[in-house]
Each structure stands twice: as structure tokens, then as C-alpha cells.
Amino acid sequence: MLDDLPATLQLAVAEARANRQRMSRRQATLTLPGGRSPALRLTVLPLEAGKRKGPVALLLQDVNALTHAEQRLRQLDRLASVGTFAAAMAHEIKNALVVGKTFFDLLLEKNQDADVVELVRRELSRVESLVSQMLRFTGPDKPAVADVRLHEVLNHSLRLVDGQLRDRQVNLQRDFAAHSDLIRGDEYQLEQALVNLLLNAVEAMGLDGQLTITTDAVAAASSHGAARGTRGRSQIRITIQDSGIGIPAEAVARLFNPFFTTKAGGTGLGLFITQRIIREHGGVISVKSKPGQGTAFQILLPALG
């Protein structure tokens, strides 16, 4: 039976029997069928001390799996630290906003530009909402839902990134074809998610890029990507397509992981928060991308009616 084991394991067993003691934390590499060669941590334990040919127990641990588990533990620790920091920061910013908002209200009453007044007031309310839910992944809060016109949220989100679009001379094309854009949701959270995606798209493109925003209705029967609990309901699909540099295949699967980023200086939290917001609205988000061929994010949200 010993002869049936790979040579590496036979050698370890022979050494353990010769030394008549436990061998642990020994590194070994095995070649498995299919060409895979995992790095292993090998422990050999003689079950009957003093016998040269007594039975032994072999314990094999995949070093790569252990390393991945350690990385996940470190990541969870970082999430806990960020949560504590975010809660303290949100409290202080919210206190400062009380004073700041009063001052801004007085200024806005004297401003005759109705559009500017409405924009500033809306954005102050949005900041207040974001601060109260800062880094949403640290808490279980649910959206404050109401009837929302998705096309209005999209248009406002585009207005917020208008400066970046103009700076990079991005050609914007929008085609809002969904016959009904009414959904249940929190417009500030949805705006946060959409602005994250729009800024990512702009940053991925150079000058004269192409940004296409579309909506369409998806019949219940073909809602293959529907979130659990929403199957059988019609949906609205949002597609945000850019002509940017694209994303490597190995990075696509990790895009929504916290702290993973492909951008220098990025936090790796934007897409994680975006996905959480979409899921809390009963939706799903997916991405398709190829290096040099741009990226398309697709969102499915349950429709009303």
C-alpha cells in the first residue's frame, strides 16, 4: 500500500518511521492528475511509538487554501476597523451638517436661480443621507423606499458627472426605452450606486470616449438574472457601456469584493457598496468586459406595474 503513494509521501513516511517521531510543518509539492501541483504542508504522525514499520497518519493541508483563509481574516479585520471609523466620522460630520445646512438655507433664500437652489438643496439632502449610512456595508440598514422614477434618477446622476464628461469630451448617448420607469426604492442610494458606475466609466476612458446609457423592460418570463424573491416579476434593465480600457478577465470575478481595485489610489469600496445597494433593492448587477473593448455594467431592478 505504501508503494501506491507518491514518492514524496513515501519518503516522508520512511523518515518518520526512522526517526520514530512526529514530523510537522514540512513543505511538499505533489503532482496530481491534470497537471495541478498544489503546495502542501505535510504532517506525519507515527501511531505506535518505537516501531520502525508501525502505522502512521498523514495530514495534508493545502498551503494556498490556508493563505487565502488568512487573507480573508485580515480583510474581515479591516472591515471591522473601517466600520468603527465610519461610525465615528458619520457622527461628527452629521453634527457639522446641522450648522452648515442652516447657513446654506439662508444663502439659498437670497439666490434667484431656481435650478441652482434646487440642485444644492438636493445635494445637501443626499450628503446627509450618505453620511447617516456611511459605508453602508458596516450596518444592516434597509433603504427608505418610496415610488421612484428611475429615468429621473439617471438624468440627475448624469448631471452630477457632467463636469467630468465635458473635461474628457465624452460623447454621451442615452436611450431610455423602458416604457415604465417606476420602481420602489431609495433615490439617494440608487443615485449613489449609479454615480459610482458613471465615474468608473469616465475614468476608464481617455478623450473622446463613448458612454452609452440605456434602459429597457425585461419580461418576467425572461428574467433569468432576477434576484431571489423577484422571479416572475417584470424588470427594468439599465446598461452602462463605456469604450474604455476594459478589465482583465482575472479581475472581473473580484470586482465587487471589498478593497479590491484596479485603480491606483482606489479604495476598492465603490463597487462593493454599489452591489449592496442594488441587492437591497431586490436587483442584481453584472459586468462584461474585455481589455481594449470597454466595459458594460448591467442592472436589473424589479418594476412596478
Protein backbone atom coordinates (compact mmCIF):
# COMPACT_ATOMS: atom_id res chain seq x y z
CA MET A 1 0.00 0.00 0.00
CA LEU A 2 2.90 2.33 0.79
CA ASP A 3 4.20 1.77 -2.72
CA ASP A 4 0.97 3.23 -4.11
CA LEU A 5 1.69 6.63 -2.57
CA PRO A 6 3.60 9.36 -4.44
CA ALA A 7 7.36 9.30 -3.88
CA THR A 8 7.24 12.47 -1.77
CA LEU A 9 4.85 10.85 0.72
CA GLN A 10 6.79 7.57 0.77
CA LEU A 11 9.95 9.46 1.72
CA ALA A 12 8.15 11.37 4.49
CA VAL A 13 6.74 8.14 5.97
CA ALA A 14 10.15 6.45 5.82
CA GLU A 15 11.83 9.36 7.62
CA ALA A 16 9.12 9.47 10.30
CA ARG A 17 9.50 5.75 10.97
CA ALA A 18 13.28 6.03 11.05
CA ASN A 19 13.18 8.95 13.47
CA ARG A 20 10.28 7.41 15.43
CA GLN A 21 8.81 10.85 16.00
CA ARG A 22 6.21 13.25 14.63
CA MET A 23 7.18 15.37 11.63
CA SER A 24 5.21 18.56 11.12
CA ARG A 25 5.24 21.76 9.06
CA ARG A 26 7.15 20.11 6.28
CA GLN A 27 6.52 21.60 2.83
CA ALA A 28 5.83 19.27 -0.08
CA THR A 29 4.57 19.54 -3.63
CA LEU A 30 2.51 16.83 -5.30
CA THR A 31 1.73 16.48 -8.99
CA LEU A 32 -1.90 15.47 -9.40
CA PRO A 33 -3.76 14.18 -12.47
CA GLY A 34 -4.45 17.07 -14.79
CA GLY A 35 -1.11 18.74 -14.11
CA ARG A 36 -2.11 20.54 -10.91
CA SER A 37 0.74 20.77 -8.38
CA PRO A 38 -0.52 22.14 -5.06
CA ALA A 39 1.91 23.23 -2.35
CA LEU A 40 1.18 21.24 0.81
CA ARG A 41 2.00 21.38 4.49
CA LEU A 42 2.73 17.78 5.45
CA THR A 43 2.44 16.27 8.94
CA VAL A 44 3.39 12.65 9.57
CA LEU A 45 2.42 11.11 12.92
CA PRO A 46 3.59 7.62 13.96
CA LEU A 47 0.67 5.93 15.72
CA GLU A 48 2.81 3.37 17.59
CA ALA A 49 5.94 4.93 19.05
CA GLY A 50 9.17 2.97 18.73
CA LYS A 51 8.12 0.73 15.83
CA ARG A 52 10.08 1.21 12.63
CA LYS A 53 7.29 -0.15 10.43
CA GLY A 54 4.32 0.81 12.55
CA PRO A 55 1.24 2.62 11.16
CA VAL A 56 1.44 6.34 10.54
CA ALA A 57 -1.13 9.07 9.93
CA LEU A 58 -0.63 11.62 7.14
CA LEU A 59 -2.16 15.08 7.34
CA LEU A 60 -2.04 17.17 4.16
CA GLN A 61 -3.03 20.84 4.18
CA ASP A 62 -3.26 22.98 1.05
CA VAL A 63 -0.96 25.94 1.74
CA ASN A 64 -2.76 28.07 -0.84
CA ALA A 65 -6.09 27.49 0.89
CA LEU A 66 -4.56 28.41 4.24
CA THR A 67 -3.11 31.58 2.77
CA HIS A 68 -6.50 32.50 1.29
CA ALA A 69 -8.20 31.94 4.67
CA GLU A 70 -5.64 34.16 6.38
CA GLN A 71 -6.22 36.87 3.80
CA ARG A 72 -9.98 36.67 4.40
CA LEU A 73 -9.46 37.01 8.15
CA ARG A 74 -7.27 40.08 7.64
CA GLN A 75 -9.92 41.50 5.31
CA LEU A 76 -12.66 40.97 7.92
CA ASP A 77 -10.48 42.69 10.49
CA ARG A 78 -10.05 45.65 8.16
CA LEU A 79 -13.82 45.77 7.58
CA ALA A 80 -14.41 45.91 11.33
CA SER A 81 -11.89 48.74 11.68
CA VAL A 82 -13.45 50.67 8.80
CA GLY A 83 -16.89 50.22 10.36
CA THR A 84 -15.77 51.72 13.66
CA PHE A 85 -14.03 54.59 11.90
CA ALA A 86 -17.02 55.24 9.63
CA ALA A 87 -19.47 55.36 12.53
CA ALA A 88 -17.35 57.92 14.40
CA MET A 89 -16.82 60.01 11.26
CA ALA A 90 -20.51 59.95 10.35
CA HIS A 91 -21.47 61.20 13.80
CA GLU A 92 -19.09 64.17 13.64
CA ILE A 93 -19.98 65.11 10.05
CA LYS A 94 -23.69 64.93 10.78
CA ASN A 95 -23.28 67.34 13.71
CA ALA A 96 -21.38 69.77 11.46
CA LEU A 97 -24.06 69.48 8.77
CA VAL A 98 -26.72 70.81 11.13
CA VAL A 99 -24.90 74.15 11.33
CA GLY A 100 -23.82 74.15 7.68
CA LYS A 101 -27.27 73.35 6.34
CA THR A 102 -28.84 76.24 8.28
CA PHE A 103 -26.29 78.63 6.78
CA PHE A 104 -26.84 77.30 3.26
CA ASP A 105 -30.61 77.62 3.59
CA LEU A 106 -30.21 81.32 4.40
CA LEU A 107 -27.97 81.84 1.36
CA LEU A 108 -30.27 79.90 -0.94
CA GLU A 109 -33.26 82.03 0.02
CA LYS A 110 -31.44 85.03 -1.48
CA ASN A 111 -30.40 83.22 -4.66
CA GLN A 112 -32.69 83.88 -7.63
CA ASP A 113 -31.51 80.90 -9.72
CA ALA A 114 -34.19 78.31 -9.01
CA ASP A 115 -32.27 75.49 -10.71
CA VAL A 116 -29.14 76.12 -8.63
CA VAL A 117 -31.19 76.35 -5.43
CA GLU A 118 -32.90 73.04 -6.18
CA LEU A 119 -29.62 71.33 -7.10
CA VAL A 120 -27.81 72.49 -3.95
CA ARG A 121 -30.69 71.56 -1.67
CA ARG A 122 -30.98 68.14 -3.26
CA GLU A 123 -27.27 67.51 -2.92
CA LEU A 124 -27.21 68.64 0.70
CA SER A 125 -30.00 66.19 1.41
CA ARG A 126 -28.09 63.50 -0.43
CA VAL A 127 -24.92 64.18 1.59
CA GLU A 128 -26.93 63.99 4.79
CA SER A 129 -28.39 60.68 3.69
CA LEU A 130 -24.98 59.31 2.71
CA VAL A 131 -23.40 60.36 5.99
CA SER A 132 -26.13 58.68 8.02
CA GLN A 133 -25.44 55.46 6.10
CA MET A 134 -21.71 55.98 5.58
CA LEU A 135 -20.01 52.92 4.16
CA ARG A 136 -23.30 51.03 4.19
CA PHE A 137 -21.70 47.60 4.37
CA THR A 138 -20.96 48.17 8.08
CA GLY A 139 -24.63 48.15 9.04
CA PRO A 140 -27.86 46.30 8.27
CA ASP A 141 -29.94 49.40 7.45
CA LYS A 142 -32.57 48.95 4.75
CA PRO A 143 -33.44 51.51 2.08
CA ALA A 144 -36.10 54.13 2.85
CA VAL A 145 -38.29 53.07 -0.04
CA ALA A 146 -40.79 55.14 -1.98
CA ASP A 147 -42.04 55.24 -5.56
CA VAL A 148 -39.10 56.37 -7.71
CA ARG A 149 -38.86 57.36 -11.36
CA LEU A 150 -35.69 55.63 -12.47
CA HIS A 151 -35.18 57.84 -15.54
CA GLU A 152 -35.21 60.92 -13.32
CA VAL A 153 -32.57 59.38 -11.07
CA LEU A 154 -30.46 58.52 -14.13
CA ASN A 155 -30.75 62.04 -15.53
CA HIS A 156 -29.79 63.61 -12.22
CA SER A 157 -26.85 61.23 -11.82
CA LEU A 158 -25.64 62.22 -15.30
CA ARG A 159 -25.96 65.88 -14.37
CA LEU A 160 -23.71 65.32 -11.35
CA VAL A 161 -20.92 63.90 -13.54
CA ASP A 162 -21.45 66.43 -16.34
CA GLY A 163 -18.22 68.25 -15.48
CA GLN A 164 -16.16 65.07 -15.82
CA LEU A 165 -17.89 64.22 -19.10
CA ARG A 166 -17.09 67.66 -20.53
CA ASP A 167 -13.49 67.63 -19.29
CA ARG A 168 -12.82 64.38 -21.17
CA GLN A 169 -15.02 65.32 -24.13
CA VAL A 170 -17.03 62.14 -23.69
CA ASN A 171 -19.76 61.54 -26.25
CA LEU A 172 -22.87 60.66 -24.23
CA GLN A 173 -25.68 58.65 -25.76
CA ARG A 174 -28.80 57.80 -23.77
CA ASP A 175 -31.71 55.68 -24.86
CA PHE A 176 -34.33 55.31 -22.15
CA ALA A 177 -36.62 52.80 -23.84
CA ALA A 178 -38.28 51.29 -20.75
CA HIS A 179 -41.98 52.15 -21.22
CA SER A 180 -42.45 52.46 -17.46
CA ASP A 181 -39.60 53.52 -15.18
CA LEU A 182 -41.48 53.36 -11.88
CA ILE A 183 -39.80 51.28 -9.16
CA ARG A 184 -39.76 51.10 -5.39
CA GLY A 185 -36.52 52.32 -3.90
CA ASP A 186 -34.41 54.92 -2.16
CA GLU A 187 -33.50 57.53 -4.75
CA TYR A 188 -30.40 58.73 -2.86
CA GLN A 189 -28.99 55.22 -2.58
CA LEU A 190 -29.74 54.47 -6.23
CA GLU A 191 -28.11 57.76 -7.20
CA GLN A 192 -25.03 56.81 -5.19
CA ALA A 193 -24.79 53.47 -6.99
CA LEU A 194 -25.26 55.00 -10.44
CA VAL A 195 -22.78 57.83 -9.86
CA ASN A 196 -20.19 55.24 -8.77
CA LEU A 197 -20.66 53.37 -12.05
CA LEU A 198 -20.64 56.55 -14.17
CA LEU A 199 -17.44 57.86 -12.59
CA ASN A 200 -15.77 54.48 -13.09
CA ALA A 201 -16.78 54.57 -16.76
CA VAL A 202 -15.43 58.10 -17.25
CA GLU A 203 -12.14 57.25 -15.53
CA ALA A 204 -11.72 54.21 -17.78
CA MET A 205 -11.87 56.34 -20.95
CA GLY A 206 -9.50 58.84 -22.47
CA LEU A 207 -10.52 61.85 -24.53
CA ASP A 208 -13.42 61.44 -26.97
CA GLY A 209 -14.73 58.28 -25.33
CA GLN A 210 -18.22 56.90 -25.88
CA LEU A 211 -20.60 56.43 -22.94
CA THR A 212 -23.95 54.79 -23.65
CA ILE A 213 -26.76 54.57 -21.08
CA THR A 214 -29.84 52.52 -21.97
CA THR A 215 -32.92 51.21 -20.24
CA ASP A 216 -35.40 48.63 -21.39
CA ALA A 217 -38.10 46.41 -19.97
CA VAL A 218 -37.43 42.72 -19.35
CA ALA A 219 -40.45 40.45 -19.35
CA ALA A 220 -40.93 38.24 -16.30
CA ALA A 221 -40.55 35.05 -18.34
CA SER A 222 -37.05 36.01 -19.48
CA SER A 223 -35.76 37.42 -16.18
CA HIS A 224 -33.03 34.81 -15.84
CA GLY A 225 -30.86 37.08 -13.75
CA ALA A 226 -33.57 38.04 -11.28
CA ALA A 227 -32.71 38.16 -7.63
CA ARG A 228 -34.28 35.63 -5.27
CA GLY A 229 -37.83 36.63 -4.41
CA THR A 230 -38.32 38.70 -7.59
CA ARG A 231 -38.67 35.95 -10.19
CA GLY A 232 -41.92 36.18 -12.08
CA ARG A 233 -41.95 39.98 -11.92
CA SER A 234 -41.12 42.24 -14.84
CA GLN A 235 -37.89 44.19 -14.51
CA ILE A 236 -36.14 47.28 -15.75
CA ARG A 237 -32.68 46.78 -17.16
CA ILE A 238 -30.07 49.54 -17.05
CA THR A 239 -26.92 49.17 -19.15
CA ILE A 240 -23.93 51.46 -18.72
CA GLN A 241 -21.46 50.84 -21.55
CA ASP A 242 -18.12 52.62 -21.95
CA SER A 243 -15.43 52.47 -24.61
CA GLY A 244 -12.63 52.40 -22.06
CA ILE A 245 -9.60 50.22 -21.50
CA GLY A 246 -11.61 47.24 -20.26
CA ILE A 247 -10.90 44.93 -17.34
CA PRO A 248 -8.68 41.81 -17.36
CA ALA A 249 -10.60 38.54 -17.10
CA GLU A 250 -8.91 37.59 -13.82
CA ALA A 251 -10.08 40.85 -12.24
CA VAL A 252 -13.73 40.72 -13.36
CA ALA A 253 -14.65 37.99 -10.86
CA ARG A 254 -13.24 40.07 -7.99
CA LEU A 255 -14.63 43.49 -8.91
CA PHE A 256 -17.31 43.50 -6.22
CA ASN A 257 -15.00 42.28 -3.43
CA PRO A 258 -14.29 44.86 -0.71
CA PHE A 259 -10.86 46.53 -1.01
CA PHE A 260 -10.20 45.10 -4.47
CA THR A 261 -9.40 47.79 -7.00
CA THR A 262 -7.74 48.09 -10.39
CA LYS A 263 -7.18 51.84 -9.96
CA ALA A 264 -4.09 53.42 -8.43
CA GLY A 265 -5.16 55.08 -5.20
CA GLY A 266 -8.61 53.47 -5.28
CA THR A 267 -10.28 52.27 -2.08
CA GLY A 268 -11.90 49.19 -3.58
CA LEU A 269 -15.20 50.04 -1.86
CA GLY A 270 -17.23 51.77 -4.58
CA LEU A 271 -18.40 48.68 -6.45
CA PHE A 272 -18.87 46.72 -3.24
CA ILE A 273 -21.24 49.41 -1.94
CA THR A 274 -22.93 49.66 -5.35
CA GLN A 275 -23.66 45.93 -5.41
CA ARG A 276 -25.05 46.04 -1.88
CA ILE A 277 -27.39 48.90 -2.74
CA ILE A 278 -28.69 47.07 -5.83
CA ARG A 279 -29.23 43.86 -3.87
CA GLU A 280 -31.11 45.71 -1.12
CA HIS A 281 -33.44 46.96 -3.86
CA GLY A 282 -34.17 43.40 -4.95
CA GLY A 283 -31.94 43.70 -8.00
CA VAL A 284 -28.78 42.20 -9.44
CA ILE A 285 -25.73 43.75 -11.08
CA SER A 286 -23.36 42.07 -13.51
CA VAL A 287 -20.42 43.11 -15.65
CA LYS A 288 -18.95 42.14 -19.02
CA SER A 289 -15.57 43.42 -20.12
CA LYS A 290 -12.58 42.68 -22.30
CA PRO A 291 -9.27 44.52 -22.29
CA GLY A 292 -9.29 47.16 -25.01
CA GLN A 293 -13.00 46.67 -25.76
CA GLY A 294 -14.68 48.60 -22.96
CA THR A 295 -16.92 47.56 -20.10
CA ALA A 296 -20.67 47.14 -19.69
CA PHE A 297 -22.40 47.08 -16.32
CA GLN A 298 -25.95 45.78 -16.32
CA ILE A 299 -28.50 46.29 -13.55
CA LEU A 300 -31.86 44.54 -13.22
CA LEU A 301 -34.42 46.10 -10.86
CA PRO A 302 -37.99 44.97 -10.12
CA ALA A 303 -40.53 47.17 -11.90
CA LEU A 304 -43.85 48.40 -10.55
CA GLY A 305 -46.82 47.56 -12.69
